[in-house]
Amino acid sequence: MNSTKKCDLLIKHATIATCSDLQAVDELLEDAAVAISDGVIQWIGSSAQSAQFQCENVHELQGELLTPALIDCHTHLVFGGSRADEFAARLAGVSYEDIAKAGGGILSTVKATREASFNDLLDDAVRRLVHLKSQGVMTVEIKSGYGLDVDNEIKMLKVARAAGEATGVEVKTTLLAAHALPPEFKDNRAGYIDLICKELIPKVAKDKLADAVDAFCEGIGFTPDETRRVFDAAARSGLPVKLHADQLSDLGGAGLVAEYSGLSADHVEYTSNKSIQAMADHDTVATLLPYAFYALQETQKPPIKAFRKHGVAMAIATDCNPGTAPSTNILQCLHMACTQFGLTIPEAWLGVTLNAAKALGISDQKGSLEVGKQAHLVHWQAHKPSDIVYWQGENPVIGVFD
């Protein structure tokens, strides 16, 4: 009886970090092999045992590291214009408040995004996605939030989807219309929330343009009550929620999104123990954004020890945006999560793999190297995960299997 099996791709002689849990980042599989069929991981074992597979497409890794592809689970990657002049002004001592009063800040990006054509936005988004992909990122969440009206929010979501198709990166889209108050509604907050809840959310849900709904719950953003209205509308349309929570103050945002069994609470620098307990109870991920923390020169760090104590999963993302995180460098964020926030190397790796997948509601499909999951894998010029976190300035990606 012939026991030989067939597969589409066989990767041999790899050092594998499966990223299925913290221990699996430290306890590597040496001289290991992976068999892939139809884009799904079929088998994992020793290279010696891989002789059971008949395969015409065989890759030998010579002991180099193989991991799941990375996931950037929080970005604002589609936008028009630049805020480099504002960056220079802040360096010269001009406050963010004064910049905003002069027409700068987020509303300057809104103006530029509204004015930009679909193709111009797409070209820029593709360029940013290509840079992320070159670092081993194969899944990216992209938010709207710089249109702040029906047509332009939809334009942003469509650009995000088109950018994913153009690059081969899987894009998960998030409606963030509750990002800021548009100028035409500056004296009518309730009217804008009505627009989001009664028109935008139902439309993007019906047209399947968004995978989730987000809001900015903060003193300079939207109140907890306004956020509840947005979340209630999302629930009616069958869309999961996530939240920009507790970045500048504790308004209970992380606890609020957990109450709705939200996918993630993001930023979370000021999150309270009460909210952390709620996140643990509802399996809501804490998404850490170290580049924004660095760029804003913040001093209040996320409560990492409390997240650990309560078993809250921690993800890491770039927060790519033109104002507070002008970066598409996920590998730098991996490093910063350790140096700025005190994450361990295994925690950091789970932050851009399995926990990032949890923050997008797709951990059953990707985020770890396990049988039955999608075969998005990265071949690194390294022999252990710490090599990649430690060394900065070079791109250690040899190739991506997708």
Protein backbone atom coordinates (compact mmCIF):
# COMPACT_ATOMS: atom_id res chain seq x y z
CA MET A 1 0.00 0.00 0.00
CA ASN A 2 1.42 3.39 -1.06
CA SER A 3 1.40 5.78 1.88
CA THR A 4 2.85 8.74 -0.08
CA LYS A 5 0.74 11.90 0.17
CA LYS A 6 0.67 14.86 -2.18
CA CYS A 7 0.93 18.57 -1.39
CA ASP A 8 1.28 21.78 -3.38
CA LEU A 9 4.22 23.17 -1.41
CA LEU A 10 6.69 21.53 0.97
CA ILE A 11 8.99 23.68 3.13
CA LYS A 12 11.82 21.71 4.78
CA HIS A 13 14.72 22.23 7.19
CA ALA A 14 13.12 25.27 8.81
CA THR A 15 13.27 26.57 12.35
CA ILE A 16 9.61 27.23 13.10
CA ALA A 17 7.98 29.58 15.60
CA THR A 18 4.33 28.58 15.36
CA CYS A 19 3.14 31.56 17.48
CA SER A 20 0.22 29.45 18.71
CA ASP A 21 0.91 30.70 22.27
CA LEU A 22 3.69 32.41 24.26
CA GLN A 23 5.56 29.17 24.81
CA ALA A 24 5.53 28.40 21.10
CA VAL A 25 7.62 31.52 20.41
CA ASP A 26 10.36 30.33 22.76
CA GLU A 27 10.20 26.58 22.11
CA LEU A 28 11.08 26.45 18.42
CA LEU A 29 10.60 23.47 16.15
CA GLU A 30 14.06 22.60 14.84
CA ASP A 31 14.70 21.03 11.41
CA ALA A 32 10.96 21.17 10.83
CA ALA A 33 8.79 20.93 7.74
CA VAL A 34 5.39 22.21 6.60
CA ALA A 35 3.16 20.76 3.91
CA ILE A 36 0.66 23.08 2.22
CA SER A 37 -2.26 22.30 -0.07
CA ASP A 38 -4.80 24.70 -1.56
CA GLY A 39 -3.33 27.55 0.47
CA VAL A 40 -3.94 25.79 3.79
CA ILE A 41 -1.43 24.20 6.18
CA GLN A 42 -1.91 20.45 5.80
CA TRP A 43 0.83 19.05 8.05
CA ILE A 44 3.68 20.13 10.36
CA GLY A 45 6.44 17.80 11.49
CA SER A 46 10.11 16.95 11.23
CA SER A 47 11.98 17.21 7.95
CA ALA A 48 12.74 13.50 8.18
CA GLN A 49 9.01 12.72 8.32
CA SER A 50 8.31 14.94 5.30
CA ALA A 51 9.45 12.10 3.03
CA GLN A 52 5.83 10.90 3.18
CA PHE A 53 4.89 13.77 0.84
CA GLN A 54 5.26 13.81 -2.91
CA CYS A 55 5.70 17.41 -4.01
CA GLU A 56 7.18 19.16 -7.04
CA ASN A 57 7.51 22.52 -5.23
CA VAL A 58 10.02 22.03 -2.39
CA HIS A 59 11.82 24.84 -0.52
CA GLU A 60 14.87 24.17 1.66
CA LEU A 61 15.39 26.80 4.40
CA GLN A 62 18.77 25.64 5.81
CA GLY A 63 17.66 26.16 9.40
CA GLU A 64 16.36 29.70 8.93
CA LEU A 65 13.28 30.98 10.72
CA LEU A 66 9.74 30.43 9.47
CA THR A 67 6.79 32.21 11.15
CA PRO A 68 3.20 33.14 10.39
CA ALA A 69 2.89 36.25 8.25
CA LEU A 70 2.52 39.43 10.30
CA ILE A 71 -0.75 41.32 10.79
CA ASP A 72 -1.06 45.10 11.18
CA CYS A 73 -4.41 45.34 12.97
CA HIS A 74 -4.81 49.14 13.31
CA THR A 75 -4.02 51.61 10.51
CA HIS A 76 -5.40 54.78 8.93
CA LEU A 77 -3.48 54.00 5.77
CA VAL A 78 -5.79 55.72 3.25
CA PHE A 79 -5.51 59.50 3.39
CA GLY A 80 -4.74 62.54 1.28
CA GLY A 81 -2.11 65.21 1.77
CA SER A 82 0.73 65.53 4.25
CA ARG A 83 1.12 67.03 7.72
CA ALA A 84 4.90 67.46 7.60
CA ASP A 85 4.53 71.23 8.04
CA GLU A 86 2.55 70.67 11.24
CA PHE A 87 5.27 68.34 12.49
CA ALA A 88 7.81 71.11 11.92
CA ALA A 89 5.52 73.62 13.66
CA ARG A 90 5.20 71.39 16.73
CA LEU A 91 8.99 71.10 16.86
CA ALA A 92 9.12 74.89 16.84
CA GLY A 93 6.84 75.02 19.87
CA VAL A 94 3.39 75.55 18.34
CA SER A 95 0.77 73.61 20.29
CA TYR A 96 -1.47 71.03 18.64
CA GLU A 97 -4.48 73.09 19.77
CA ASP A 98 -3.17 76.21 18.01
CA ILE A 99 -2.47 74.17 14.88
CA ALA A 100 -6.03 72.84 14.92
CA LYS A 101 -7.48 76.35 15.41
CA ALA A 102 -5.54 77.48 12.35
CA GLY A 103 -7.21 74.77 10.25
CA GLY A 104 -4.61 72.08 10.75
CA GLY A 105 -4.79 68.74 12.53
CA ILE A 106 -7.21 66.05 11.50
CA LEU A 107 -9.48 68.45 9.61
CA SER A 108 -6.62 69.36 7.29
CA THR A 109 -6.38 65.68 6.37
CA VAL A 110 -10.15 65.56 5.92
CA LYS A 111 -9.95 68.46 3.46
CA ALA A 112 -7.10 66.84 1.52
CA THR A 113 -8.80 63.44 1.48
CA ARG A 114 -12.09 64.85 0.24
CA GLU A 115 -10.25 66.69 -2.53
CA ALA A 116 -8.14 63.70 -3.59
CA SER A 117 -9.28 61.50 -6.43
CA PHE A 118 -9.93 57.79 -5.98
CA ASN A 119 -6.86 56.94 -8.06
CA ASP A 120 -4.57 59.33 -6.18
CA LEU A 121 -5.64 57.83 -2.85
CA LEU A 122 -5.22 54.35 -4.29
CA ASP A 123 -1.70 55.00 -5.57
CA ASP A 124 -0.57 56.24 -2.16
CA ALA A 125 -2.30 53.40 -0.31
CA VAL A 126 -0.71 50.78 -2.56
CA ARG A 127 2.74 52.25 -1.91
CA ARG A 128 2.19 52.04 1.86
CA LEU A 129 0.84 48.49 1.65
CA VAL A 130 3.80 47.38 -0.47
CA HIS A 131 6.16 48.61 2.24
CA LEU A 132 4.25 46.69 4.91
CA LYS A 133 4.22 43.58 2.72
CA SER A 134 7.99 43.80 2.28
CA GLN A 135 8.25 43.35 6.07
CA GLY A 136 6.20 40.15 6.05
CA VAL A 137 2.77 41.72 6.63
CA MET A 138 0.01 39.92 4.73
CA THR A 139 -3.08 41.22 6.56
CA VAL A 140 -3.81 44.89 7.27
CA GLU A 141 -6.77 46.65 8.86
CA ILE A 142 -7.55 50.00 7.21
CA LYS A 143 -9.96 52.53 8.72
CA SER A 144 -11.94 55.29 7.10
CA GLY A 145 -12.37 58.47 9.14
CA TYR A 146 -10.91 61.21 6.95
CA GLY A 147 -14.02 61.62 4.79
CA LEU A 148 -16.61 62.37 7.50
CA ASP A 149 -19.48 62.37 5.04
CA VAL A 150 -21.27 59.54 3.27
CA ASP A 151 -19.59 59.78 -0.13
CA ASN A 152 -16.05 60.24 1.10
CA GLU A 153 -16.20 57.61 3.84
CA ILE A 154 -17.40 55.15 1.21
CA LYS A 155 -14.68 56.32 -1.16
CA MET A 156 -12.05 55.55 1.48
CA LEU A 157 -13.42 52.08 2.17
CA LYS A 158 -13.48 51.27 -1.54
CA VAL A 159 -9.91 52.53 -1.95
CA ALA A 160 -8.81 50.31 0.93
CA ARG A 161 -10.39 47.24 -0.67
CA ALA A 162 -8.88 48.08 -4.07
CA ALA A 163 -5.43 48.52 -2.52
CA GLY A 164 -5.66 45.06 -1.03
CA GLU A 165 -6.60 43.57 -4.39
CA ALA A 166 -3.73 45.38 -6.11
CA THR A 167 -1.08 44.15 -3.65
CA GLY A 168 -2.28 40.69 -2.64
CA VAL A 169 -2.52 41.83 0.98
CA GLU A 170 -5.75 40.90 2.74
CA VAL A 171 -7.40 44.15 3.86
CA LYS A 172 -9.99 44.28 6.63
CA THR A 173 -11.92 47.56 6.49
CA THR A 174 -13.28 49.49 9.45
CA LEU A 175 -15.78 52.37 9.34
CA LEU A 176 -14.43 55.17 11.57
CA ALA A 177 -16.86 57.94 10.70
CA ALA A 178 -16.99 58.83 14.43
CA HIS A 179 -13.39 60.05 14.24
CA ALA A 180 -13.94 63.80 14.41
CA LEU A 181 -16.73 66.30 13.94
CA PRO A 182 -16.79 67.55 10.32
CA PRO A 183 -16.87 71.32 9.83
CA GLU A 184 -20.38 71.30 8.37
CA PHE A 185 -21.67 69.74 11.62
CA LYS A 186 -19.61 71.82 14.06
CA ASP A 187 -22.79 73.15 15.69
CA ASN A 188 -24.81 69.94 15.32
CA ARG A 189 -23.12 66.98 17.01
CA ALA A 190 -26.38 65.04 17.32
CA GLY A 191 -27.05 65.50 13.63
CA TYR A 192 -23.71 63.98 12.70
CA ILE A 193 -24.23 60.98 14.99
CA ASP A 194 -27.64 60.55 13.33
CA LEU A 195 -25.95 60.54 9.92
CA ILE A 196 -23.52 57.84 11.04
CA CYS A 197 -26.13 55.67 12.73
CA LYS A 198 -29.06 56.01 10.34
CA GLU A 199 -27.34 56.32 6.98
CA LEU A 200 -23.64 55.41 6.92
CA ILE A 201 -23.57 52.26 9.03
CA PRO A 202 -26.63 50.65 7.37
CA LYS A 203 -25.27 51.48 3.91
CA VAL A 204 -21.75 50.10 4.39
CA ALA A 205 -23.19 47.02 6.06
CA LYS A 206 -25.64 46.40 3.22
CA ASP A 207 -22.91 46.91 0.59
CA LYS A 208 -20.40 44.83 2.61
CA LEU A 209 -17.82 47.63 2.55
CA ALA A 210 -16.83 47.42 6.22
CA ASP A 211 -15.86 44.51 8.43
CA ALA A 212 -16.20 46.48 11.68
CA VAL A 213 -17.14 49.88 13.17
CA ASP A 214 -14.81 52.06 15.25
CA ALA A 215 -15.07 55.39 17.11
CA PHE A 216 -12.76 57.85 18.87
CA CYS A 217 -14.05 58.03 22.44
CA GLU A 218 -12.11 60.88 24.01
CA GLY A 219 -12.48 64.42 25.32
CA ILE A 220 -11.45 65.78 21.92
CA GLY A 221 -13.50 63.12 20.13
CA PHE A 222 -16.87 61.63 21.03
CA THR A 223 -18.50 61.01 24.40
CA PRO A 224 -19.30 57.56 25.81
CA ASP A 225 -23.01 58.21 25.17
CA GLU A 226 -22.36 59.14 21.54
CA THR A 227 -20.16 56.08 21.20
CA ARG A 228 -22.96 53.88 22.56
CA ARG A 229 -25.28 55.18 19.86
CA VAL A 230 -22.72 54.26 17.20
CA PHE A 231 -22.22 50.80 18.72
CA ASP A 232 -25.96 50.19 18.95
CA ALA A 233 -26.29 51.04 15.26
CA ALA A 234 -23.41 48.69 14.43
CA ALA A 235 -25.10 45.91 16.36
CA ARG A 236 -28.35 46.45 14.47
CA SER A 237 -26.42 46.08 11.22
CA GLY A 238 -24.53 43.01 12.38
CA LEU A 239 -21.09 44.62 12.46
CA PRO A 240 -18.57 44.02 15.27
CA VAL A 241 -17.02 47.01 17.04
CA LYS A 242 -13.64 48.23 18.24
CA LEU A 243 -12.64 51.52 19.85
CA HIS A 244 -9.96 54.18 20.13
CA ALA A 245 -10.08 54.06 23.93
CA ASP A 246 -8.40 55.74 26.89
CA GLN A 247 -5.55 57.28 24.89
CA LEU A 248 -5.49 60.69 26.58
CA SER A 249 -7.79 60.15 29.56
CA ASP A 250 -9.93 57.47 31.19
CA LEU A 251 -13.49 57.81 29.95
CA GLY A 252 -14.11 54.12 30.47
CA GLY A 253 -13.83 53.47 26.73
CA ALA A 254 -12.13 50.08 27.03
CA GLY A 255 -14.83 48.88 29.39
CA LEU A 256 -17.50 50.28 27.08
CA VAL A 257 -16.28 48.42 24.00
CA ALA A 258 -15.87 45.25 26.09
CA GLU A 259 -19.51 45.59 27.16
CA TYR A 260 -20.39 45.18 23.47
CA SER A 261 -18.03 42.17 23.20
CA GLY A 262 -15.84 44.36 21.02
CA LEU A 263 -12.88 43.00 19.10
CA SER A 264 -10.37 45.42 20.60
CA ALA A 265 -9.71 48.52 22.65
CA ASP A 266 -6.85 50.47 21.07
CA HIS A 267 -4.24 52.80 22.62
CA VAL A 268 -5.43 52.06 26.23
CA GLU A 269 -2.78 54.15 28.01
CA TYR A 270 -5.23 55.30 30.73
CA THR A 271 -7.37 52.16 30.97
CA SER A 272 -8.56 51.38 34.51
CA ASN A 273 -8.54 48.05 36.33
CA LYS A 274 -12.33 47.97 36.10
CA SER A 275 -12.17 48.25 32.32
CA ILE A 276 -9.38 45.68 32.13
CA GLN A 277 -11.54 43.21 34.03
CA ALA A 278 -14.36 43.84 31.55
CA MET A 279 -11.96 43.26 28.65
CA ALA A 280 -10.88 39.96 30.20
CA ASP A 281 -14.49 38.91 30.75
CA HIS A 282 -15.44 39.61 27.11
CA ASP A 283 -12.17 38.54 25.44
CA THR A 284 -11.51 42.03 24.08
CA VAL A 285 -7.95 42.55 22.84
CA ALA A 286 -5.77 45.46 23.99
CA THR A 287 -4.12 46.87 20.87
CA LEU A 288 -0.93 48.77 21.70
CA LEU A 289 0.29 51.56 19.40
CA PRO A 290 3.88 52.33 20.44
CA TYR A 291 4.73 54.56 17.48
CA ALA A 292 1.92 57.00 18.30
CA PHE A 293 3.07 56.98 21.94
CA TYR A 294 6.59 57.83 20.76
CA ALA A 295 5.58 60.46 18.20
CA LEU A 296 3.35 62.28 20.68
CA GLN A 297 6.04 62.00 23.38
CA GLU A 298 3.50 60.61 25.81
CA THR A 299 4.48 59.55 29.32
CA GLN A 300 1.48 57.48 30.47
CA LYS A 301 2.23 53.89 29.45
CA PRO A 302 -0.44 51.22 28.96
CA PRO A 303 -0.99 49.08 32.09
CA ILE A 304 0.91 46.06 30.77
CA LYS A 305 1.21 44.29 34.14
CA ALA A 306 -2.55 44.53 34.67
CA PHE A 307 -3.26 43.18 31.19
CA ARG A 308 -0.98 40.23 31.97
CA LYS A 309 -2.57 39.65 35.36
CA HIS A 310 -6.08 39.53 33.92
CA GLY A 311 -5.10 37.52 30.84
CA VAL A 312 -5.98 40.23 28.31
CA ALA A 313 -4.44 39.49 24.92
CA MET A 314 -2.16 42.29 23.67
CA ALA A 315 -1.77 43.15 19.98
CA ILE A 316 0.68 45.60 18.38
CA ALA A 317 0.02 47.80 15.32
CA THR A 318 1.59 50.72 13.47
CA ASP A 319 -1.38 53.12 13.71
CA CYS A 320 -0.12 54.42 10.34
CA ASN A 321 -1.65 57.89 9.93
CA PRO A 322 -0.48 61.32 8.73
CA GLY A 323 -0.67 63.09 12.08
CA THR A 324 0.41 61.03 15.08
CA ALA A 325 2.00 57.92 13.55
CA PRO A 326 3.53 58.68 10.14
CA SER A 327 5.06 55.22 9.73
CA THR A 328 4.57 51.90 7.98
CA ASN A 329 7.39 50.22 9.91
CA ILE A 330 5.82 47.26 11.72
CA LEU A 331 9.24 45.85 12.66
CA GLN A 332 10.11 49.07 14.48
CA CYS A 333 6.81 48.86 16.36
CA LEU A 334 7.66 45.29 17.36
CA HIS A 335 10.93 46.61 18.83
CA MET A 336 9.28 49.65 20.46
CA ALA A 337 6.64 47.53 22.20
CA CYS A 338 9.50 45.85 24.05
CA THR A 339 11.71 48.88 24.71
CA GLN A 340 8.94 51.41 25.50
CA PHE A 341 6.19 49.28 27.04
CA GLY A 342 8.19 46.39 28.48
CA LEU A 343 6.69 43.51 26.53
CA THR A 344 8.67 40.30 26.39
CA ILE A 345 9.80 39.03 22.99
CA PRO A 346 7.13 36.27 22.94
CA GLU A 347 4.45 38.83 23.88
CA ALA A 348 5.62 41.11 21.09
CA TRP A 349 5.54 38.31 18.52
CA LEU A 350 2.04 37.27 19.49
CA GLY A 351 1.15 40.98 19.22
CA VAL A 352 1.77 40.99 15.46
CA THR A 353 0.53 37.44 14.80
CA LEU A 354 -2.07 35.54 16.83
CA ASN A 355 -3.31 38.42 19.01
CA ALA A 356 -3.45 40.77 16.02
CA ALA A 357 -5.64 38.18 14.32
CA LYS A 358 -7.86 38.08 17.42
CA ALA A 359 -8.17 41.88 17.25
CA LEU A 360 -9.64 41.46 13.75
CA GLY A 361 -11.81 38.46 14.58
CA ILE A 362 -9.88 36.12 12.26
CA SER A 363 -7.75 34.04 14.64
CA ASP A 364 -9.53 30.88 13.49
CA GLN A 365 -8.04 31.45 10.02
CA LYS A 366 -4.61 32.99 10.56
CA GLY A 367 -2.12 34.40 13.05
CA SER A 368 -0.36 31.14 13.91
CA LEU A 369 1.31 28.30 12.06
CA GLU A 370 -1.14 25.46 12.72
CA VAL A 371 -2.81 22.75 10.67
CA GLY A 372 -5.99 24.02 9.04
CA LYS A 373 -5.00 27.69 9.01
CA GLN A 374 -4.15 29.78 5.96
CA ALA A 375 -0.60 29.29 4.76
CA HIS A 376 0.64 32.88 4.91
CA LEU A 377 4.22 32.34 6.10
CA VAL A 378 7.42 34.38 6.25
CA HIS A 379 10.96 33.12 5.68
CA TRP A 380 13.41 35.24 7.71
CA GLN A 381 17.14 35.74 7.55
CA ALA A 382 17.31 34.81 11.23
CA HIS A 383 17.33 31.73 13.42
CA LYS A 384 15.13 32.87 16.30
CA PRO A 385 12.42 35.50 16.85
CA SER A 386 14.59 37.61 19.16
CA ASP A 387 16.97 38.29 16.24
CA ILE A 388 14.23 40.24 14.47
CA VAL A 389 13.08 42.22 17.50
CA TYR A 390 16.65 43.08 18.49
CA TRP A 391 18.24 44.26 15.23
CA GLN A 392 16.91 47.44 13.60
CA GLY A 393 17.54 49.15 10.28
CA GLU A 394 17.65 46.17 7.93
CA ASN A 395 14.79 44.14 6.52
CA PRO A 396 15.37 40.47 7.41
CA VAL A 397 12.58 39.09 5.20
CA ILE A 398 13.86 36.60 2.62
CA GLY A 399 10.48 35.74 1.20
CA VAL A 400 6.76 35.32 1.81
CA PHE A 401 4.78 32.17 1.10
CA ASP A 402 1.18 33.06 0.35
